[in-house]
Amino acid sequence: HISWIESSNADITDPDTYEDFRKMLDLT
């Protein structure tokens, strides 16, 4: 019921999530 944690999430089984998180690691 907590809206602010429901605004977005990621499916860690999805190859696109791997790619997105690698981009985050690349930047940070």
PDB file of all heavy atoms in Angstrom:
ATOM      1  N   HIS A   1       0.813  -1.218   0.000  1.00  0.00           N
ATOM      2  CA  HIS A   1       0.000   0.000   0.000  1.00  0.00           C
ATOM      3  C   HIS A   1       0.845   1.266   0.000  1.00  0.00           C
ATOM      4  O   HIS A   1       0.305   2.367  -0.017  1.00  0.00           O
ATOM      5  CB  HIS A   1      -0.907   0.011   1.240  1.00  0.00           C
ATOM      6  CG  HIS A   1      -0.156   0.181   2.529  1.00  0.00           C
ATOM      7  ND1 HIS A   1       0.696  -0.773   3.027  1.00  0.00           N
ATOM      8  CD2 HIS A   1      -0.121   1.227   3.414  1.00  0.00           C
ATOM      9  CE1 HIS A   1       1.222  -0.341   4.168  1.00  0.00           C
ATOM     10  NE2 HIS A   1       0.748   0.865   4.424  1.00  0.00           N
ATOM     11  N   ILE A   2       2.176   1.137   0.016  1.00  0.00           N
ATOM     12  CA  ILE A   2       3.052   2.312   0.080  1.00  0.00           C
ATOM     13  C   ILE A   2       3.365   2.769  -1.342  1.00  0.00           C
ATOM     14  O   ILE A   2       4.152   2.135  -2.054  1.00  0.00           O
ATOM     15  CB  ILE A   2       4.338   2.003   0.864  1.00  0.00           C
ATOM     16  CG1 ILE A   2       3.989   1.503   2.277  1.00  0.00           C
ATOM     17  CG2 ILE A   2       5.218   3.230   0.939  1.00  0.00           C
ATOM     18  CD1 ILE A   2       5.185   1.127   3.109  1.00  0.00           C
ATOM     19  N   SER A   3       2.775   3.878  -1.736  1.00  0.00           N
ATOM     20  CA  SER A   3       2.836   4.291  -3.138  1.00  0.00           C
ATOM     21  C   SER A   3       4.238   4.610  -3.606  1.00  0.00           C
ATOM     22  O   SER A   3       4.597   4.327  -4.761  1.00  0.00           O
ATOM     23  CB  SER A   3       1.920   5.499  -3.355  1.00  0.00           C
ATOM     24  OG  SER A   3       2.312   6.586  -2.533  1.00  0.00           O
ATOM     25  N   TRP A   4       5.055   5.210  -2.733  1.00  0.00           N
ATOM     26  CA  TRP A   4       6.371   5.667  -3.209  1.00  0.00           C
ATOM     27  C   TRP A   4       7.323   4.526  -3.518  1.00  0.00           C
ATOM     28  O   TRP A   4       8.252   4.689  -4.312  1.00  0.00           O
ATOM     29  CB  TRP A   4       7.002   6.655  -2.237  1.00  0.00           C
ATOM     30  CG  TRP A   4       7.418   6.111  -0.902  1.00  0.00           C
ATOM     31  CD1 TRP A   4       6.682   6.129   0.243  1.00  0.00           C
ATOM     32  CD2 TRP A   4       8.661   5.496  -0.550  1.00  0.00           C
ATOM     33  NE1 TRP A   4       7.383   5.559   1.283  1.00  0.00           N
ATOM     34  CE2 TRP A   4       8.605   5.159   0.809  1.00  0.00           C
ATOM     35  CE3 TRP A   4       9.821   5.185  -1.261  1.00  0.00           C
ATOM     36  CZ2 TRP A   4       9.652   4.536   1.487  1.00  0.00           C
ATOM     37  CZ3 TRP A   4      10.874   4.563  -0.591  1.00  0.00           C
ATOM     38  CH2 TRP A   4      10.786   4.247   0.763  1.00  0.00           C
ATOM     39  N   ILE A   5       7.113   3.351  -2.916  1.00  0.00           N
ATOM     40  CA  ILE A   5       7.967   2.222  -3.284  1.00  0.00           C
ATOM     41  C   ILE A   5       7.368   1.421  -4.424  1.00  0.00           C
ATOM     42  O   ILE A   5       8.015   0.515  -4.956  1.00  0.00           O
ATOM     43  CB  ILE A   5       8.263   1.291  -2.092  1.00  0.00           C
ATOM     44  CG1 ILE A   5       6.996   0.593  -1.599  1.00  0.00           C
ATOM     45  CG2 ILE A   5       8.931   2.042  -0.970  1.00  0.00           C
ATOM     46  CD1 ILE A   5       7.264  -0.459  -0.544  1.00  0.00           C
ATOM     47  N   GLU A   6       6.146   1.764  -4.815  1.00  0.00           N
ATOM     48  CA  GLU A   6       5.501   1.068  -5.915  1.00  0.00           C
ATOM     49  C   GLU A   6       5.603   1.830  -7.233  1.00  0.00           C
ATOM     50  O   GLU A   6       5.117   1.366  -8.260  1.00  0.00           O
ATOM     51  CB  GLU A   6       4.024   0.819  -5.582  1.00  0.00           C
ATOM     52  CG  GLU A   6       3.781  -0.074  -4.374  1.00  0.00           C
ATOM     53  CD  GLU A   6       4.211  -1.511  -4.593  1.00  0.00           C
ATOM     54  OE1 GLU A   6       4.371  -1.921  -5.766  1.00  0.00           O
ATOM     55  OE2 GLU A   6       4.416  -2.221  -3.589  1.00  0.00           O
ATOM     56  N   SER A   7       6.237   2.992  -7.202  1.00  0.00           N
ATOM     57  CA  SER A   7       6.298   3.815  -8.403  1.00  0.00           C
ATOM     58  C   SER A   7       7.154   3.203  -9.495  1.00  0.00           C
ATOM     59  O   SER A   7       6.973   3.476 -10.680  1.00  0.00           O
ATOM     60  CB  SER A   7       6.821   5.213  -8.054  1.00  0.00           C
ATOM     61  OG  SER A   7       8.130   5.115  -7.511  1.00  0.00           O
ATOM     62  N   SER A   8       8.105   2.369  -9.097  1.00  0.00           N
ATOM     63  CA  SER A   8       8.961   1.706 -10.088  1.00  0.00           C
ATOM     64  C   SER A   8       9.621   0.497  -9.445  1.00  0.00           C
ATOM     65  O   SER A   8       9.859   0.470  -8.239  1.00  0.00           O
ATOM     66  CB  SER A   8      10.040   2.658 -10.622  1.00  0.00           C
ATOM     67  OG  SER A   8      10.870   3.104  -9.572  1.00  0.00           O
ATOM     68  N   ASN A   9       9.895  -0.499 -10.269  1.00  0.00           N
ATOM     69  CA  ASN A   9      10.649  -1.658  -9.792  1.00  0.00           C
ATOM     70  C   ASN A   9      11.367  -2.288 -10.969  1.00  0.00           C
ATOM     71  O   ASN A   9      11.185  -1.869 -12.113  1.00  0.00           O
ATOM     72  CB  ASN A   9       9.739  -2.664  -9.068  1.00  0.00           C
ATOM     73  CG  ASN A   9       8.699  -3.289  -9.968  1.00  0.00           C
ATOM     74  OD1 ASN A   9       8.975  -3.644 -11.118  1.00  0.00           O
ATOM     75  ND2 ASN A   9       7.477  -3.447  -9.461  1.00  0.00           N
ATOM     76  N   ALA A  10      12.160  -3.293 -10.693  1.00  0.00           N
ATOM     77  CA  ALA A  10      12.904  -3.971 -11.749  1.00  0.00           C
ATOM     78  C   ALA A  10      12.788  -5.478 -11.570  1.00  0.00           C
ATOM     79  O   ALA A  10      12.775  -5.988 -10.450  1.00  0.00           O
ATOM     80  CB  ALA A  10      14.377  -3.552 -11.727  1.00  0.00           C
ATOM     81  N   ASP A  11      12.706  -6.176 -12.676  1.00  0.00           N
ATOM     82  CA  ASP A  11      12.654  -7.638 -12.691  1.00  0.00           C
ATOM     83  C   ASP A  11      14.069  -8.148 -12.923  1.00  0.00           C
ATOM     84  O   ASP A  11      14.613  -8.019 -14.025  1.00  0.00           O
ATOM     85  CB  ASP A  11      11.715  -8.101 -13.804  1.00  0.00           C
ATOM     86  CG  ASP A  11      11.574  -9.614 -13.875  1.00  0.00           C
ATOM     87  OD1 ASP A  11      12.312 -10.327 -13.154  1.00  0.00           O
ATOM     88  OD2 ASP A  11      10.738 -10.092 -14.665  1.00  0.00           O
ATOM     89  N   ILE A  12      14.688  -8.727 -11.901  1.00  0.00           N
ATOM     90  CA  ILE A  12      16.093  -9.136 -12.031  1.00  0.00           C
ATOM     91  C   ILE A  12      16.280 -10.354 -12.912  1.00  0.00           C
ATOM     92  O   ILE A  12      17.418 -10.720 -13.216  1.00  0.00           O
ATOM     93  CB  ILE A  12      16.733  -9.414 -10.651  1.00  0.00           C
ATOM     94  CG1 ILE A  12      15.952 -10.505  -9.910  1.00  0.00           C
ATOM     95  CG2 ILE A  12      16.860  -8.151  -9.832  1.00  0.00           C
ATOM     96  CD1 ILE A  12      16.686 -11.059  -8.720  1.00  0.00           C
ATOM     97  N   THR A  13      15.205 -10.987 -13.352  1.00  0.00           N
ATOM     98  CA  THR A  13      15.338 -12.109 -14.294  1.00  0.00           C
ATOM     99  C   THR A  13      15.382 -11.619 -15.737  1.00  0.00           C
ATOM    100  O   THR A  13      15.626 -12.417 -16.650  1.00  0.00           O
ATOM    101  CB  THR A  13      14.169 -13.097 -14.137  1.00  0.00           C
ATOM    102  OG1 THR A  13      12.962 -12.550 -14.693  1.00  0.00           O
ATOM    103  CG2 THR A  13      13.941 -13.460 -12.680  1.00  0.00           C
ATOM    104  N   ASP A  14      15.152 -10.343 -15.951  1.00  0.00           N
ATOM    105  CA  ASP A  14      15.057  -9.772 -17.298  1.00  0.00           C
ATOM    106  C   ASP A  14      16.435  -9.323 -17.782  1.00  0.00           C
ATOM    107  O   ASP A  14      17.109  -8.548 -17.092  1.00  0.00           O
ATOM    108  CB  ASP A  14      14.094  -8.578 -17.270  1.00  0.00           C
ATOM    109  CG  ASP A  14      13.703  -8.108 -18.662  1.00  0.00           C
ATOM    110  OD1 ASP A  14      14.532  -8.237 -19.594  1.00  0.00           O
ATOM    111  OD2 ASP A  14      12.583  -7.594 -18.809  1.00  0.00           O
ATOM    112  N   PRO A  15      16.879  -9.753 -18.945  1.00  0.00           N
ATOM    113  CA  PRO A  15      18.181  -9.300 -19.470  1.00  0.00           C
ATOM    114  C   PRO A  15      18.284  -7.784 -19.581  1.00  0.00           C
ATOM    115  O   PRO A  15      19.374  -7.219 -19.452  1.00  0.00           O
ATOM    116  CB  PRO A  15      18.242  -9.960 -20.856  1.00  0.00           C
ATOM    117  CG  PRO A  15      17.379 -11.178 -20.739  1.00  0.00           C
ATOM    118  CD  PRO A  15      16.255 -10.776 -19.816  1.00  0.00           C
ATOM    119  N   ASP A  16      17.149  -7.109 -19.807  1.00  0.00           N
ATOM    120  CA  ASP A  16      17.196  -5.646 -19.887  1.00  0.00           C
ATOM    121  C   ASP A  16      17.594  -5.028 -18.549  1.00  0.00           C
ATOM    122  O   ASP A  16      18.223  -3.966 -18.505  1.00  0.00           O
ATOM    123  CB  ASP A  16      15.828  -5.101 -20.306  1.00  0.00           C
ATOM    124  CG  ASP A  16      15.540  -5.343 -21.778  1.00  0.00           C
ATOM    125  OD1 ASP A  16      16.487  -5.695 -22.506  1.00  0.00           O
ATOM    126  OD2 ASP A  16      14.377  -5.197 -22.185  1.00  0.00           O
ATOM    127  N   THR A  17      17.216  -5.676 -17.442  1.00  0.00           N
ATOM    128  CA  THR A  17      17.613  -5.181 -16.134  1.00  0.00           C
ATOM    129  C   THR A  17      19.118  -5.269 -15.957  1.00  0.00           C
ATOM    130  O   THR A  17      19.742  -4.378 -15.382  1.00  0.00           O
ATOM    131  CB  THR A  17      16.893  -5.962 -15.021  1.00  0.00           C
ATOM    132  OG1 THR A  17      15.487  -5.834 -15.200  1.00  0.00           O
ATOM    133  CG2 THR A  17      17.270  -5.446 -13.640  1.00  0.00           C
ATOM    134  N   TYR A  18      19.711  -6.358 -16.444  1.00  0.00           N
ATOM    135  CA  TYR A  18      21.168  -6.486 -16.410  1.00  0.00           C
ATOM    136  C   TYR A  18      21.807  -5.301 -17.125  1.00  0.00           C
ATOM    137  O   TYR A  18      22.745  -4.686 -16.615  1.00  0.00           O
ATOM    138  CB  TYR A  18      21.591  -7.779 -17.100  1.00  0.00           C
ATOM    139  CG  TYR A  18      21.475  -9.027 -16.269  1.00  0.00           C
ATOM    140  CD1 TYR A  18      20.253  -9.450 -15.759  1.00  0.00           C
ATOM    141  CD2 TYR A  18      22.594  -9.815 -16.016  1.00  0.00           C
ATOM    142  CE1 TYR A  18      20.138 -10.608 -15.013  1.00  0.00           C
ATOM    143  CE2 TYR A  18      22.500 -10.987 -15.272  1.00  0.00           C
ATOM    144  CZ  TYR A  18      21.271 -11.377 -14.770  1.00  0.00           C
ATOM    145  OH  TYR A  18      21.178 -12.526 -14.032  1.00  0.00           O
ATOM    146  N   GLU A  19      21.293  -4.985 -18.301  1.00  0.00           N
ATOM    147  CA  GLU A  19      21.881  -3.917 -19.096  1.00  0.00           C
ATOM    148  C   GLU A  19      21.709  -2.567 -18.414  1.00  0.00           C
ATOM    149  O   GLU A  19      22.640  -1.747 -18.363  1.00  0.00           O
ATOM    150  CB  GLU A  19      21.240  -3.886 -20.483  1.00  0.00           C
ATOM    151  CG  GLU A  19      21.877  -2.899 -21.449  1.00  0.00           C
ATOM    152  CD  GLU A  19      23.345  -3.202 -21.733  1.00  0.00           C
ATOM    153  OE1 GLU A  19      23.750  -4.382 -21.627  1.00  0.00           O
ATOM    154  OE2 GLU A  19      24.095  -2.251 -22.039  1.00  0.00           O
ATOM    155  N   ASP A  20      20.527  -2.327 -17.858  1.00  0.00           N
ATOM    156  CA  ASP A  20      20.280  -1.061 -17.170  1.00  0.00           C
ATOM    157  C   ASP A  20      21.209  -0.891 -15.972  1.00  0.00           C
ATOM    158  O   ASP A  20      21.752   0.197 -15.742  1.00  0.00           O
ATOM    159  CB  ASP A  20      18.822  -0.994 -16.694  1.00  0.00           C
ATOM    160  CG  ASP A  20      17.860  -0.647 -17.817  1.00  0.00           C
ATOM    161  OD1 ASP A  20      18.339  -0.222 -18.883  1.00  0.00           O
ATOM    162  OD2 ASP A  20      16.647  -0.809 -17.627  1.00  0.00           O
ATOM    163  N   PHE A  21      21.382  -1.960 -15.203  1.00  0.00           N
ATOM    164  CA  PHE A  21      22.198  -1.827 -14.003  1.00  0.00           C
ATOM    165  C   PHE A  21      23.677  -1.710 -14.347  1.00  0.00           C
ATOM    166  O   PHE A  21      24.431  -1.037 -13.632  1.00  0.00           O
ATOM    167  CB  PHE A  21      21.960  -3.000 -13.053  1.00  0.00           C
ATOM    168  CG  PHE A  21      22.404  -2.716 -11.643  1.00  0.00           C
ATOM    169  CD1 PHE A  21      21.776  -1.737 -10.887  1.00  0.00           C
ATOM    170  CD2 PHE A  21      23.463  -3.402 -11.066  1.00  0.00           C
ATOM    171  CE1 PHE A  21      22.191  -1.449  -9.595  1.00  0.00           C
ATOM    172  CE2 PHE A  21      23.884  -3.124  -9.776  1.00  0.00           C
ATOM    173  CZ  PHE A  21      23.241  -2.141  -9.042  1.00  0.00           C
ATOM    174  N   ARG A  22      24.114  -2.343 -15.425  1.00  0.00           N
ATOM    175  CA  ARG A  22      25.508  -2.157 -15.864  1.00  0.00           C
ATOM    176  C   ARG A  22      25.757  -0.698 -16.226  1.00  0.00           C
ATOM    177  O   ARG A  22      26.836  -0.158 -15.960  1.00  0.00           O
ATOM    178  CB  ARG A  22      25.811  -3.072 -17.057  1.00  0.00           C
ATOM    179  CG  ARG A  22      25.907  -4.549 -16.704  1.00  0.00           C
ATOM    180  CD  ARG A  22      26.446  -5.346 -17.877  1.00  0.00           C
ATOM    181  NE  ARG A  22      26.390  -6.773 -17.646  1.00  0.00           N
ATOM    182  CZ  ARG A  22      25.497  -7.597 -18.188  1.00  0.00           C
ATOM    183  NH1 ARG A  22      24.577  -7.113 -19.026  1.00  0.00           N
ATOM    184  NH2 ARG A  22      25.518  -8.891 -17.929  1.00  0.00           N
ATOM    185  N   LYS A  23      24.758  -0.054 -16.826  1.00  0.00           N
ATOM    186  CA  LYS A  23      24.894   1.376 -17.140  1.00  0.00           C
ATOM    187  C   LYS A  23      25.046   2.185 -15.857  1.00  0.00           C
ATOM    188  O   LYS A  23      25.854   3.124 -15.784  1.00  0.00           O
ATOM    189  CB  LYS A  23      23.674   1.863 -17.928  1.00  0.00           C
ATOM    190  CG  LYS A  23      23.577   1.303 -19.340  1.00  0.00           C
ATOM    191  CD  LYS A  23      22.307   1.792 -20.024  1.00  0.00           C
ATOM    192  CE  LYS A  23      22.176   1.197 -21.416  1.00  0.00           C
ATOM    193  NZ  LYS A  23      20.906   1.620 -22.072  1.00  0.00           N
ATOM    194  N   MET A  24      24.262   1.828 -14.838  1.00  0.00           N
ATOM    195  CA  MET A  24      24.359   2.535 -13.566  1.00  0.00           C
ATOM    196  C   MET A  24      25.745   2.352 -12.956  1.00  0.00           C
ATOM    197  O   MET A  24      26.356   3.306 -12.455  1.00  0.00           O
ATOM    198  CB  MET A  24      23.286   2.029 -12.596  1.00  0.00           C
ATOM    199  CG  MET A  24      23.212   2.795 -11.295  1.00  0.00           C
ATOM    200  SD  MET A  24      21.955   2.134 -10.168  1.00  0.00           S
ATOM    201  CE  MET A  24      20.469   2.460 -11.104  1.00  0.00           C
ATOM    202  N   LEU A  25      26.263   1.125 -12.997  1.00  0.00           N
ATOM    203  CA  LEU A  25      27.590   0.863 -12.458  1.00  0.00           C
ATOM    204  C   LEU A  25      28.668   1.580 -13.268  1.00  0.00           C
ATOM    205  O   LEU A  25      29.669   2.038 -12.710  1.00  0.00           O
ATOM    206  CB  LEU A  25      27.861  -0.640 -12.439  1.00  0.00           C
ATOM    207  CG  LEU A  25      26.969  -1.482 -11.524  1.00  0.00           C
ATOM    208  CD1 LEU A  25      27.385  -2.942 -11.592  1.00  0.00           C
ATOM    209  CD2 LEU A  25      27.030  -0.979 -10.090  1.00  0.00           C
ATOM    210  N   ASP A  26      28.441   1.673 -14.560  1.00  0.00           N
ATOM    211  CA  ASP A  26      29.412   2.364 -15.408  1.00  0.00           C
ATOM    212  C   ASP A  26      29.505   3.838 -15.025  1.00  0.00           C
ATOM    213  O   ASP A  26      30.606   4.402 -14.940  1.00  0.00           O
ATOM    214  CB  ASP A  26      28.995   2.221 -16.875  1.00  0.00           C
ATOM    215  CG  ASP A  26      29.989   2.872 -17.820  1.00  0.00           C
ATOM    216  OD1 ASP A  26      31.155   2.435 -17.835  1.00  0.00           O
ATOM    217  OD2 ASP A  26      29.608   3.824 -18.521  1.00  0.00           O
ATOM    218  N   LEU A  27      28.354   4.452 -14.746  1.00  0.00           N
ATOM    219  CA  LEU A  27      28.335   5.876 -14.412  1.00  0.00           C
ATOM    220  C   LEU A  27      28.877   6.152 -13.016  1.00  0.00           C
ATOM    221  O   LEU A  27      29.552   7.169 -12.791  1.00  0.00           O
ATOM    222  CB  LEU A  27      26.906   6.410 -14.513  1.00  0.00           C
ATOM    223  CG  LEU A  27      26.316   6.510 -15.922  1.00  0.00           C
ATOM    224  CD1 LEU A  27      24.833   6.810 -15.844  1.00  0.00           C
ATOM    225  CD2 LEU A  27      27.042   7.586 -16.718  1.00  0.00           C
ATOM    226  N   THR A  28      28.579   5.274 -12.054  1.00  0.00           N
ATOM    227  CA  THR A  28      28.889   5.573 -10.655  1.00  0.00           C
ATOM    228  C   THR A  28      30.211   4.992 -10.176  1.00  0.00           C
ATOM    229  O   THR A  28      30.794   5.491  -9.211  1.00  0.00           O
ATOM    230  CB  THR A  28      27.768   5.051  -9.738  1.00  0.00           C
ATOM    231  OG1 THR A  28      27.629   3.639  -9.943  1.00  0.00           O
ATOM    232  CG2 THR A  28      26.451   5.743 -10.038  1.00  0.00           C
TER     233      THR A  28
END
